[in-house]
Amino acid sequence: MLGGTPTLRRQFGEALPAETVVSRHTGRMDHADHVALIRPGVEDRPGAWADLGSGTGAFTLALADVLGGRGSIVSVDRDRGALEEQRRHMAARFPEATVDYRVADFTKSLELPALDGVLMANSLHFSRDKAAVLRGILACVRPGGRFVLVEYDADHGNPWVPHPLSYATWERLAPTVGLTGTRLGGRVPSRFLGAIYSAVSDNSG
């Protein structure tokens, strides 16, 4: 599921950095949770962003919320119907947002404008060769631009999440594709594959 909202359970006693976001409630993640996960990587980096594998737009809405009037979004997904649903949600919630909806496959060549940031939320786990996909994407990101990843904190998936990567694995992968300064943005417990995290990195260019 791209840009989906997995069910959460509350989990206590886990040592986390002070800045880490933890879900405030049991039940399904909501818009506030999505915003909290990506805010550490987005709020100080206005400008042109892309949300790749955006689905029906749970995290695209969060991106629009954090950017406010300080940026624009290219929303990319292979599913035209999902993008149309996303467009309706965006018009209802954030009618002033500047969003370019594109039916495309982010694993292939994308004709994107020069970007200040890229968000990939629950989408990179559909790619086995992540390094190759990321290098193609990062070619569109300005030096010093931001990359925000939201993923399941696991290295073994299932039919619905075939190729997840834990935060520890992401820390090792990120510098091999030119990303620096990788840090944990947030983490929420999930009964699907343990937890979901956000990570923030900068493009070395």
N, C-alpha and C. Protein backbone atom coordinates (compact mmCIF):
# COMPACT_ATOMS: atom_id res chain seq x y z
N MET A 1 0.85 -1.19 0.00
CA MET A 1 0.00 0.00 0.00
C MET A 1 0.88 1.24 0.00
N LEU A 2 0.66 2.16 -0.89
CA LEU A 2 1.46 3.36 -0.98
C LEU A 2 0.79 4.48 -0.22
N GLY A 3 1.55 5.08 0.70
CA GLY A 3 0.99 6.19 1.45
C GLY A 3 -0.15 5.76 2.34
N GLY A 4 -0.14 4.51 2.84
CA GLY A 4 -1.24 4.00 3.62
C GLY A 4 -1.16 4.40 5.08
N THR A 5 -2.09 3.89 5.88
CA THR A 5 -2.17 4.24 7.28
C THR A 5 -2.26 2.97 8.11
N PRO A 6 -1.13 2.34 8.46
CA PRO A 6 -1.15 1.11 9.20
C PRO A 6 -1.71 1.29 10.61
N THR A 7 -2.25 0.21 11.18
CA THR A 7 -2.76 0.22 12.53
C THR A 7 -1.61 0.25 13.52
N LEU A 8 -1.79 0.97 14.63
CA LEU A 8 -0.74 1.12 15.62
C LEU A 8 -1.18 0.52 16.95
N ARG A 9 -0.21 0.13 17.77
CA ARG A 9 -0.47 -0.19 19.14
C ARG A 9 0.52 0.59 20.00
N ARG A 10 0.09 0.98 21.20
CA ARG A 10 0.95 1.75 22.08
C ARG A 10 2.04 0.85 22.65
N GLN A 11 3.24 1.34 22.74
CA GLN A 11 4.35 0.55 23.24
C GLN A 11 5.16 1.42 24.17
N PHE A 12 5.33 0.99 25.42
CA PHE A 12 6.01 1.81 26.41
C PHE A 12 7.40 1.25 26.71
N GLY A 13 8.22 2.06 27.35
CA GLY A 13 9.49 1.62 27.86
C GLY A 13 10.59 1.52 26.82
N GLU A 14 10.39 2.08 25.63
CA GLU A 14 11.40 2.01 24.58
C GLU A 14 12.24 3.27 24.62
N ALA A 15 13.55 3.11 24.67
CA ALA A 15 14.45 4.26 24.73
C ALA A 15 14.58 4.88 23.35
N LEU A 16 14.16 6.14 23.22
CA LEU A 16 14.19 6.84 21.95
C LEU A 16 14.81 8.21 22.14
N PRO A 17 15.45 8.77 21.09
CA PRO A 17 15.96 10.14 21.19
C PRO A 17 14.86 11.11 21.56
N ALA A 18 15.22 12.20 22.21
CA ALA A 18 14.22 13.15 22.70
C ALA A 18 13.39 13.72 21.57
N GLU A 19 13.97 13.87 20.37
CA GLU A 19 13.26 14.51 19.28
C GLU A 19 12.36 13.53 18.52
N THR A 20 12.44 12.25 18.89
CA THR A 20 11.67 11.25 18.15
C THR A 20 10.19 11.38 18.44
N VAL A 21 9.39 11.30 17.39
CA VAL A 21 7.94 11.36 17.52
C VAL A 21 7.42 9.96 17.81
N VAL A 22 6.56 9.83 18.80
CA VAL A 22 5.89 8.57 19.07
C VAL A 22 4.40 8.81 18.99
N SER A 23 3.67 7.87 18.39
CA SER A 23 2.23 8.03 18.21
C SER A 23 1.55 8.35 19.54
N ARG A 24 0.58 9.22 19.51
CA ARG A 24 -0.08 9.69 20.72
C ARG A 24 -1.22 8.79 21.16
N HIS A 25 -1.57 7.80 20.39
CA HIS A 25 -2.78 7.04 20.68
C HIS A 25 -2.70 5.66 20.07
N THR A 26 -3.62 4.80 20.49
CA THR A 26 -3.76 3.52 19.82
C THR A 26 -4.71 3.70 18.64
N GLY A 27 -4.78 2.72 17.77
CA GLY A 27 -5.66 2.81 16.61
C GLY A 27 -4.89 3.21 15.38
N ARG A 28 -5.59 3.73 14.38
CA ARG A 28 -4.97 4.04 13.10
C ARG A 28 -4.25 5.37 13.15
N MET A 29 -3.15 5.44 12.39
CA MET A 29 -2.47 6.72 12.25
C MET A 29 -3.41 7.72 11.60
N ASP A 30 -3.31 8.97 12.02
CA ASP A 30 -4.14 10.01 11.43
C ASP A 30 -3.25 11.10 10.84
N HIS A 31 -3.88 12.15 10.36
CA HIS A 31 -3.13 13.21 9.69
C HIS A 31 -2.07 13.82 10.60
N ALA A 32 -2.40 14.00 11.87
CA ALA A 32 -1.44 14.58 12.80
C ALA A 32 -0.20 13.69 12.94
N ASP A 33 -0.40 12.38 12.92
CA ASP A 33 0.74 11.45 12.99
C ASP A 33 1.62 11.57 11.76
N HIS A 34 0.99 11.66 10.58
CA HIS A 34 1.75 11.80 9.34
C HIS A 34 2.57 13.09 9.35
N VAL A 35 1.95 14.16 9.78
CA VAL A 35 2.64 15.45 9.87
C VAL A 35 3.81 15.35 10.83
N ALA A 36 3.59 14.75 11.99
CA ALA A 36 4.65 14.66 12.99
C ALA A 36 5.84 13.86 12.48
N LEU A 37 5.59 12.82 11.70
CA LEU A 37 6.68 12.01 11.17
C LEU A 37 7.55 12.77 10.18
N ILE A 38 6.95 13.58 9.32
CA ILE A 38 7.74 14.22 8.28
C ILE A 38 8.18 15.65 8.62
N ARG A 39 7.56 16.27 9.61
CA ARG A 39 7.88 17.66 9.92
C ARG A 39 9.37 17.91 10.14
N PRO A 40 10.09 17.02 10.88
CA PRO A 40 11.51 17.31 11.11
C PRO A 40 12.34 17.44 9.84
N GLY A 41 11.90 16.82 8.75
CA GLY A 41 12.66 16.91 7.52
C GLY A 41 12.17 17.93 6.52
N VAL A 42 11.00 18.51 6.80
CA VAL A 42 10.36 19.36 5.79
C VAL A 42 10.27 20.82 6.21
N GLU A 43 10.01 21.07 7.49
CA GLU A 43 9.63 22.43 7.88
C GLU A 43 10.72 23.46 7.65
N ASP A 44 11.99 23.04 7.68
CA ASP A 44 13.08 24.00 7.45
C ASP A 44 13.57 23.97 6.01
N ARG A 45 12.83 23.30 5.12
CA ARG A 45 13.28 23.18 3.74
C ARG A 45 12.11 23.44 2.78
N PRO A 46 11.67 24.70 2.66
CA PRO A 46 10.60 25.02 1.72
C PRO A 46 11.09 24.89 0.29
N GLY A 47 10.16 24.96 -0.64
CA GLY A 47 10.53 24.92 -2.05
C GLY A 47 9.81 23.82 -2.79
N ALA A 48 10.46 23.30 -3.83
CA ALA A 48 9.86 22.30 -4.71
C ALA A 48 10.13 20.90 -4.16
N TRP A 49 9.06 20.15 -3.90
CA TRP A 49 9.15 18.80 -3.37
C TRP A 49 8.46 17.82 -4.30
N ALA A 50 8.86 16.56 -4.20
CA ALA A 50 8.14 15.47 -4.87
C ALA A 50 7.80 14.42 -3.84
N ASP A 51 6.59 13.86 -3.96
CA ASP A 51 6.17 12.71 -3.16
C ASP A 51 6.05 11.54 -4.12
N LEU A 52 6.93 10.56 -3.98
CA LEU A 52 7.03 9.47 -4.95
C LEU A 52 6.37 8.20 -4.43
N GLY A 53 5.47 7.65 -5.23
CA GLY A 53 4.65 6.53 -4.77
C GLY A 53 3.62 7.01 -3.77
N SER A 54 2.94 8.10 -4.12
CA SER A 54 2.11 8.84 -3.16
C SER A 54 0.75 8.23 -2.90
N GLY A 55 0.30 7.29 -3.74
CA GLY A 55 -0.97 6.62 -3.50
C GLY A 55 -2.14 7.59 -3.40
N THR A 56 -3.00 7.35 -2.43
CA THR A 56 -4.17 8.21 -2.25
C THR A 56 -3.84 9.48 -1.47
N GLY A 57 -2.58 9.61 -1.03
CA GLY A 57 -2.12 10.91 -0.58
C GLY A 57 -2.09 11.19 0.90
N ALA A 58 -2.07 10.17 1.75
CA ALA A 58 -2.03 10.44 3.19
C ALA A 58 -0.83 11.33 3.55
N PHE A 59 0.34 10.98 3.01
CA PHE A 59 1.54 11.77 3.32
C PHE A 59 1.67 12.99 2.41
N THR A 60 1.05 12.97 1.26
CA THR A 60 1.05 14.17 0.41
C THR A 60 0.28 15.29 1.09
N LEU A 61 -0.83 14.94 1.74
CA LEU A 61 -1.59 15.93 2.51
C LEU A 61 -0.74 16.47 3.65
N ALA A 62 -0.01 15.59 4.31
CA ALA A 62 0.86 16.03 5.40
C ALA A 62 1.95 16.97 4.86
N LEU A 63 2.50 16.64 3.70
CA LEU A 63 3.53 17.48 3.09
C LEU A 63 2.96 18.86 2.76
N ALA A 64 1.76 18.90 2.20
CA ALA A 64 1.12 20.18 1.89
C ALA A 64 0.89 20.99 3.17
N ASP A 65 0.52 20.31 4.23
CA ASP A 65 0.26 20.98 5.50
C ASP A 65 1.53 21.61 6.05
N VAL A 66 2.63 20.85 6.05
CA VAL A 66 3.89 21.37 6.60
C VAL A 66 4.46 22.49 5.72
N LEU A 67 4.38 22.31 4.41
CA LEU A 67 4.91 23.35 3.52
C LEU A 67 4.09 24.63 3.57
N GLY A 68 2.78 24.50 3.78
CA GLY A 68 1.92 25.67 3.74
C GLY A 68 2.02 26.34 2.38
N GLY A 69 2.19 27.63 2.36
CA GLY A 69 2.32 28.34 1.09
C GLY A 69 3.76 28.52 0.66
N ARG A 70 4.68 27.75 1.27
CA ARG A 70 6.11 27.97 1.03
C ARG A 70 6.70 26.99 0.04
N GLY A 71 5.86 26.28 -0.70
CA GLY A 71 6.42 25.31 -1.63
C GLY A 71 5.39 24.72 -2.57
N SER A 72 5.86 23.80 -3.40
CA SER A 72 5.01 23.10 -4.36
C SER A 72 5.34 21.61 -4.30
N ILE A 73 4.44 20.79 -4.83
CA ILE A 73 4.59 19.34 -4.76
C ILE A 73 4.35 18.72 -6.13
N VAL A 74 5.20 17.80 -6.52
CA VAL A 74 4.93 16.90 -7.63
C VAL A 74 4.57 15.56 -7.01
N SER A 75 3.35 15.11 -7.22
CA SER A 75 2.86 13.87 -6.63
C SER A 75 2.83 12.79 -7.70
N VAL A 76 3.60 11.72 -7.49
CA VAL A 76 3.81 10.69 -8.51
C VAL A 76 3.31 9.35 -8.02
N ASP A 77 2.49 8.69 -8.84
CA ASP A 77 2.07 7.33 -8.56
C ASP A 77 1.66 6.66 -9.86
N ARG A 78 1.78 5.33 -9.92
CA ARG A 78 1.39 4.60 -11.13
C ARG A 78 -0.12 4.47 -11.26
N ASP A 79 -0.84 4.65 -10.14
CA ASP A 79 -2.28 4.39 -10.10
C ASP A 79 -3.05 5.70 -10.34
N ARG A 80 -3.60 5.82 -11.53
CA ARG A 80 -4.33 7.04 -11.86
C ARG A 80 -5.53 7.26 -10.95
N GLY A 81 -6.22 6.17 -10.62
CA GLY A 81 -7.38 6.29 -9.73
C GLY A 81 -7.00 6.79 -8.35
N ALA A 82 -5.86 6.30 -7.83
CA ALA A 82 -5.40 6.77 -6.52
C ALA A 82 -5.08 8.26 -6.56
N LEU A 83 -4.46 8.71 -7.64
CA LEU A 83 -4.15 10.13 -7.76
C LEU A 83 -5.40 10.99 -7.87
N GLU A 84 -6.41 10.48 -8.54
CA GLU A 84 -7.67 11.23 -8.63
C GLU A 84 -8.31 11.36 -7.26
N GLU A 85 -8.27 10.27 -6.49
CA GLU A 85 -8.79 10.34 -5.11
C GLU A 85 -7.98 11.34 -4.29
N GLN A 86 -6.66 11.28 -4.45
CA GLN A 86 -5.79 12.21 -3.75
C GLN A 86 -6.12 13.66 -4.12
N ARG A 87 -6.35 13.90 -5.40
CA ARG A 87 -6.68 15.25 -5.86
C ARG A 87 -7.94 15.77 -5.16
N ARG A 88 -8.94 14.90 -5.01
CA ARG A 88 -10.18 15.32 -4.33
C ARG A 88 -9.92 15.65 -2.86
N HIS A 89 -9.13 14.81 -2.19
CA HIS A 89 -8.81 15.08 -0.79
C HIS A 89 -8.04 16.39 -0.64
N MET A 90 -7.10 16.61 -1.54
CA MET A 90 -6.29 17.82 -1.46
C MET A 90 -7.16 19.06 -1.68
N ALA A 91 -8.04 19.00 -2.64
CA ALA A 91 -8.91 20.15 -2.92
C ALA A 91 -9.80 20.47 -1.73
N ALA A 92 -10.21 19.43 -1.01
CA ALA A 92 -11.07 19.64 0.15
C ALA A 92 -10.31 20.16 1.36
N ARG A 93 -9.08 19.64 1.56
CA ARG A 93 -8.34 19.97 2.78
C ARG A 93 -7.40 21.15 2.60
N PHE A 94 -6.70 21.19 1.46
CA PHE A 94 -5.68 22.23 1.23
C PHE A 94 -5.85 22.80 -0.17
N PRO A 95 -6.93 23.54 -0.40
CA PRO A 95 -7.23 24.01 -1.76
C PRO A 95 -6.19 24.97 -2.33
N GLU A 96 -5.39 25.60 -1.47
CA GLU A 96 -4.39 26.54 -1.95
C GLU A 96 -3.06 25.86 -2.30
N ALA A 97 -2.94 24.57 -2.03
CA ALA A 97 -1.69 23.87 -2.29
C ALA A 97 -1.42 23.79 -3.80
N THR A 98 -0.16 23.93 -4.17
CA THR A 98 0.25 23.80 -5.57
C THR A 98 0.77 22.38 -5.78
N VAL A 99 -0.03 21.55 -6.48
CA VAL A 99 0.32 20.14 -6.66
C VAL A 99 0.20 19.77 -8.14
N ASP A 100 1.25 19.14 -8.64
CA ASP A 100 1.29 18.61 -10.00
C ASP A 100 1.19 17.09 -9.90
N TYR A 101 0.05 16.53 -10.34
CA TYR A 101 -0.19 15.09 -10.23
C TYR A 101 0.31 14.39 -11.49
N ARG A 102 1.15 13.37 -11.32
CA ARG A 102 1.72 12.69 -12.48
C ARG A 102 1.58 11.18 -12.34
N VAL A 103 1.01 10.56 -13.36
CA VAL A 103 0.94 9.10 -13.42
C VAL A 103 2.27 8.61 -13.98
N ALA A 104 3.07 7.98 -13.14
CA ALA A 104 4.41 7.55 -13.56
C ALA A 104 4.94 6.53 -12.57
N ASP A 105 5.98 5.84 -12.99
CA ASP A 105 6.65 4.83 -12.18
C ASP A 105 7.98 5.41 -11.71
N PHE A 106 8.14 5.58 -10.39
CA PHE A 106 9.35 6.24 -9.90
C PHE A 106 10.60 5.37 -10.05
N THR A 107 10.43 4.09 -10.39
CA THR A 107 11.60 3.24 -10.61
C THR A 107 12.19 3.45 -12.01
N LYS A 108 11.48 4.20 -12.84
CA LYS A 108 11.95 4.50 -14.20
C LYS A 108 12.33 5.97 -14.28
N SER A 109 12.84 6.38 -15.42
CA SER A 109 13.28 7.76 -15.59
C SER A 109 12.12 8.72 -15.40
N LEU A 110 12.32 9.72 -14.57
CA LEU A 110 11.29 10.72 -14.30
C LEU A 110 11.78 12.09 -14.78
N GLU A 111 10.92 12.80 -15.47
CA GLU A 111 11.25 14.17 -15.87
C GLU A 111 10.68 15.11 -14.81
N LEU A 112 11.51 15.41 -13.83
CA LEU A 112 11.09 16.24 -12.72
C LEU A 112 11.84 17.56 -12.74
N PRO A 113 11.26 18.60 -12.18
CA PRO A 113 12.00 19.86 -12.04
C PRO A 113 13.10 19.68 -11.00
N ALA A 114 14.02 20.63 -10.93
CA ALA A 114 15.03 20.60 -9.87
C ALA A 114 14.31 20.70 -8.53
N LEU A 115 14.60 19.75 -7.65
CA LEU A 115 13.83 19.62 -6.41
C LEU A 115 14.65 20.05 -5.20
N ASP A 116 13.94 20.64 -4.23
CA ASP A 116 14.53 20.94 -2.94
C ASP A 116 14.36 19.80 -1.96
N GLY A 117 13.43 18.88 -2.26
CA GLY A 117 13.21 17.76 -1.36
C GLY A 117 12.40 16.67 -2.01
N VAL A 118 12.60 15.45 -1.53
CA VAL A 118 11.84 14.28 -1.96
C VAL A 118 11.34 13.55 -0.73
N LEU A 119 10.08 13.14 -0.79
CA LEU A 119 9.47 12.31 0.24
C LEU A 119 9.14 10.96 -0.38
N MET A 120 9.56 9.88 0.28
CA MET A 120 9.13 8.54 -0.10
C MET A 120 8.56 7.88 1.15
N ALA A 121 7.24 7.75 1.19
CA ALA A 121 6.55 7.23 2.37
C ALA A 121 5.89 5.89 2.03
N ASN A 122 6.42 4.82 2.60
CA ASN A 122 5.88 3.48 2.37
C ASN A 122 5.84 3.13 0.88
N SER A 123 6.87 3.52 0.16
CA SER A 123 6.93 3.21 -1.27
C SER A 123 8.25 2.57 -1.69
N LEU A 124 9.34 2.91 -1.03
CA LEU A 124 10.63 2.34 -1.42
C LEU A 124 10.66 0.83 -1.20
N HIS A 125 9.85 0.34 -0.29
CA HIS A 125 9.87 -1.10 -0.01
C HIS A 125 9.30 -1.96 -1.15
N PHE A 126 8.81 -1.34 -2.19
CA PHE A 126 8.38 -2.11 -3.37
C PHE A 126 9.54 -2.36 -4.34
N SER A 127 10.69 -1.77 -4.07
CA SER A 127 11.85 -1.92 -4.95
C SER A 127 12.90 -2.81 -4.29
N ARG A 128 13.37 -3.80 -5.04
CA ARG A 128 14.43 -4.66 -4.51
C ARG A 128 15.78 -3.95 -4.62
N ASP A 129 16.07 -3.37 -5.80
CA ASP A 129 17.35 -2.69 -6.01
C ASP A 129 17.19 -1.21 -5.63
N LYS A 130 17.24 -0.95 -4.36
CA LYS A 130 16.96 0.39 -3.86
C LYS A 130 18.03 1.39 -4.27
N ALA A 131 19.27 0.97 -4.29
CA ALA A 131 20.35 1.91 -4.62
C ALA A 131 20.18 2.46 -6.02
N ALA A 132 19.87 1.60 -6.98
CA ALA A 132 19.70 2.07 -8.36
C ALA A 132 18.53 3.04 -8.46
N VAL A 133 17.43 2.71 -7.80
CA VAL A 133 16.25 3.59 -7.83
C VAL A 133 16.59 4.94 -7.21
N LEU A 134 17.26 4.92 -6.08
CA LEU A 134 17.58 6.16 -5.38
C LEU A 134 18.54 7.05 -6.17
N ARG A 135 19.51 6.46 -6.82
CA ARG A 135 20.44 7.28 -7.61
C ARG A 135 19.71 8.02 -8.73
N GLY A 136 18.77 7.35 -9.36
CA GLY A 136 17.98 8.01 -10.40
C GLY A 136 17.15 9.16 -9.84
N ILE A 137 16.56 8.95 -8.68
CA ILE A 137 15.73 9.98 -8.05
C ILE A 137 16.58 11.16 -7.60
N LEU A 138 17.71 10.87 -6.96
CA LEU A 138 18.53 11.94 -6.38
C LEU A 138 19.19 12.80 -7.44
N ALA A 139 19.25 12.33 -8.68
CA ALA A 139 19.77 13.16 -9.75
C ALA A 139 18.91 14.40 -9.97
N CYS A 140 17.66 14.35 -9.49
CA CYS A 140 16.75 15.49 -9.64
C CYS A 140 16.77 16.43 -8.44
N VAL A 141 17.52 16.06 -7.39
CA VAL A 141 17.53 16.86 -6.16
C VAL A 141 18.75 17.76 -6.11
N ARG A 142 18.53 19.01 -5.83
CA ARG A 142 19.63 19.97 -5.76
C ARG A 142 20.65 19.56 -4.68
N PRO A 143 21.91 19.90 -4.86
CA PRO A 143 22.89 19.68 -3.79
C PRO A 143 22.42 20.36 -2.51
N GLY A 144 22.47 19.63 -1.42
CA GLY A 144 21.98 20.16 -0.16
C GLY A 144 20.49 19.96 0.03
N GLY A 145 19.82 19.42 -1.00
CA GLY A 145 18.39 19.15 -0.90
C GLY A 145 18.11 18.03 0.09
N ARG A 146 16.86 17.88 0.44
CA ARG A 146 16.45 17.00 1.51
C ARG A 146 15.80 15.72 0.96
N PHE A 147 16.07 14.61 1.64
CA PHE A 147 15.40 13.35 1.33
C PHE A 147 14.79 12.82 2.62
N VAL A 148 13.47 12.59 2.59
CA VAL A 148 12.75 12.09 3.76
C VAL A 148 12.17 10.73 3.42
N LEU A 149 12.55 9.74 4.21
CA LEU A 149 12.07 8.37 4.02
C LEU A 149 11.16 7.99 5.17
N VAL A 150 10.01 7.40 4.84
CA VAL A 150 9.13 6.79 5.85
C VAL A 150 9.02 5.32 5.49
N GLU A 151 9.41 4.46 6.43
CA GLU A 151 9.46 3.02 6.13
C GLU A 151 9.17 2.18 7.37
N TYR A 152 8.88 0.91 7.12
CA TYR A 152 8.77 -0.05 8.22
C TYR A 152 10.17 -0.39 8.73
N ASP A 153 10.30 -0.46 10.04
CA ASP A 153 11.59 -0.69 10.67
C ASP A 153 11.87 -2.20 10.74
N ALA A 154 12.05 -2.80 9.57
CA ALA A 154 12.26 -4.24 9.47
C ALA A 154 13.05 -4.52 8.20
N ASP A 155 13.73 -5.65 8.20
CA ASP A 155 14.49 -6.05 7.02
C ASP A 155 13.90 -7.27 6.32
N HIS A 156 12.81 -7.79 6.85
CA HIS A 156 12.12 -8.92 6.23
C HIS A 156 10.65 -8.57 6.13
N GLY A 157 10.10 -8.69 4.93
CA GLY A 157 8.75 -8.22 4.68
C GLY A 157 7.72 -9.31 4.58
N ASN A 158 6.69 -9.02 3.81
CA ASN A 158 5.57 -9.93 3.59
C ASN A 158 5.01 -9.60 2.21
N PRO A 159 3.97 -10.28 1.75
CA PRO A 159 3.47 -10.01 0.39
C PRO A 159 3.02 -8.56 0.17
N TRP A 160 2.65 -7.86 1.22
CA TRP A 160 2.16 -6.49 1.08
C TRP A 160 3.30 -5.47 1.20
N VAL A 161 4.32 -5.82 1.95
CA VAL A 161 5.51 -4.96 2.13
C VAL A 161 6.70 -5.84 1.78
N PRO A 162 7.00 -5.99 0.50
CA PRO A 162 7.94 -7.05 0.09
C PRO A 162 9.40 -6.82 0.46
N HIS A 163 9.87 -5.56 0.44
CA HIS A 163 11.30 -5.31 0.65
C HIS A 163 11.54 -4.11 1.57
N PRO A 164 11.10 -4.20 2.83
CA PRO A 164 11.34 -3.07 3.74
C PRO A 164 12.81 -2.98 4.12
N LEU A 165 13.17 -1.88 4.76
CA LEU A 165 14.53 -1.75 5.28
C LEU A 165 14.47 -1.03 6.61
N SER A 166 15.15 -1.59 7.57
CA SER A 166 15.18 -1.01 8.91
C SER A 166 15.95 0.30 8.89
N TYR A 167 15.80 1.06 9.97
CA TYR A 167 16.55 2.31 10.06
C TYR A 167 18.05 2.03 10.06
N ALA A 168 18.48 0.96 10.74
CA ALA A 168 19.90 0.63 10.75
C ALA A 168 20.42 0.33 9.35
N THR A 169 19.61 -0.38 8.57
CA THR A 169 20.00 -0.67 7.18
C THR A 169 20.02 0.60 6.35
N TRP A 170 19.05 1.49 6.57
CA TRP A 170 19.02 2.75 5.84
C TRP A 170 20.25 3.60 6.16
N GLU A 171 20.69 3.61 7.42
CA GLU A 171 21.88 4.36 7.77
C GLU A 171 23.10 3.88 6.98
N ARG A 172 23.15 2.60 6.70
CA ARG A 172 24.27 2.07 5.92
C ARG A 172 24.12 2.33 4.43
N LEU A 173 22.88 2.28 3.93
CA LEU A 173 22.64 2.46 2.50
C LEU A 173 22.76 3.92 2.08
N ALA A 174 22.25 4.83 2.89
CA ALA A 174 22.15 6.24 2.49
C ALA A 174 23.46 6.83 1.98
N PRO A 175 24.59 6.66 2.68
CA PRO A 175 25.82 7.29 2.17
C PRO A 175 26.32 6.69 0.86
N THR A 176 25.91 5.47 0.54
CA THR A 176 26.37 4.86 -0.71
C THR A 176 25.68 5.47 -1.93
N VAL A 177 24.58 6.20 -1.72
CA VAL A 177 23.88 6.85 -2.84
C VAL A 177 24.04 8.37 -2.78
N GLY A 178 24.93 8.85 -1.91
CA GLY A 178 25.22 10.28 -1.87
C GLY A 178 24.43 11.07 -0.84
N LEU A 179 23.82 10.40 0.12
CA LEU A 179 23.08 11.09 1.17
C LEU A 179 23.93 11.19 2.42
N THR A 180 23.86 12.34 3.07
CA THR A 180 24.68 12.59 4.25
C THR A 180 23.79 13.03 5.42
N GLY A 181 24.38 13.02 6.61
CA GLY A 181 23.69 13.56 7.79
C GLY A 181 22.42 12.83 8.14
N THR A 182 22.33 11.56 7.85
CA THR A 182 21.10 10.81 8.11
C THR A 182 20.79 10.77 9.60
N ARG A 183 19.55 11.10 9.94
CA ARG A 183 19.12 11.09 11.34
C ARG A 183 17.66 10.64 11.41
N LEU A 184 17.30 10.13 12.57
CA LEU A 184 15.94 9.65 12.81
C LEU A 184 15.02 10.83 13.03
N GLY A 185 13.94 10.89 12.26
CA GLY A 185 12.98 11.98 12.42
C GLY A 185 11.85 11.62 13.36
N GLY A 186 11.40 10.38 13.31
CA GLY A 186 10.29 9.94 14.15
C GLY A 186 10.13 8.44 14.08
N ARG A 187 9.37 7.90 15.00
CA ARG A 187 9.14 6.46 15.02
C ARG A 187 7.83 6.20 15.73
N VAL A 188 7.00 5.35 15.14
CA VAL A 188 5.74 4.96 15.76
C VAL A 188 5.64 3.44 15.76
N PRO A 189 5.18 2.85 16.86
CA PRO A 189 5.02 1.40 16.88
C PRO A 189 3.88 0.97 15.97
N SER A 190 4.02 -0.20 15.39
CA SER A 190 3.01 -0.75 14.50
C SER A 190 2.90 -2.25 14.70
N ARG A 191 1.69 -2.77 14.63
CA ARG A 191 1.55 -4.22 14.74
C ARG A 191 1.89 -4.91 13.43
N PHE A 192 2.17 -4.13 12.40
CA PHE A 192 2.67 -4.67 11.14
C PHE A 192 4.17 -4.40 11.07
N LEU A 193 4.97 -5.41 11.22
CA LEU A 193 6.43 -5.32 11.11
C LEU A 193 7.06 -4.44 12.18
N GLY A 194 6.39 -4.30 13.31
CA GLY A 194 7.01 -3.71 14.50
C GLY A 194 6.90 -2.21 14.66
N ALA A 195 7.34 -1.45 13.66
CA ALA A 195 7.34 0.01 13.80
C ALA A 195 7.49 0.65 12.43
N ILE A 196 7.11 1.91 12.38
CA ILE A 196 7.35 2.75 11.20
C ILE A 196 8.22 3.93 11.66
N TYR A 197 9.22 4.25 10.87
CA TYR A 197 10.11 5.36 11.21
C TYR A 197 10.16 6.36 10.07
N SER A 198 10.61 7.56 10.39
CA SER A 198 10.98 8.52 9.36
C SER A 198 12.46 8.84 9.54
N ALA A 199 13.13 9.02 8.42
CA ALA A 199 14.55 9.38 8.44
C ALA A 199 14.77 10.58 7.53
N VAL A 200 15.69 11.43 7.93
CA VAL A 200 15.98 12.67 7.21
C VAL A 200 17.44 12.64 6.77
N SER A 201 17.68 12.90 5.48
CA SER A 201 19.05 12.94 4.93
C SER A 201 19.18 14.14 4.02
N ASP A 202 20.43 14.51 3.74
CA ASP A 202 20.72 15.61 2.82
C ASP A 202 21.50 15.09 1.63
N ASN A 203 21.16 15.64 0.46
CA ASN A 203 21.81 15.21 -0.77
C ASN A 203 23.16 15.91 -0.94
N SER A 204 24.21 15.11 -1.05
CA SER A 204 25.54 15.71 -1.20
C SER A 204 25.76 16.29 -2.58
N GLY A 205 24.90 15.89 -3.54
CA GLY A 205 25.00 16.42 -4.90
C GLY A 205 26.14 15.79 -5.66
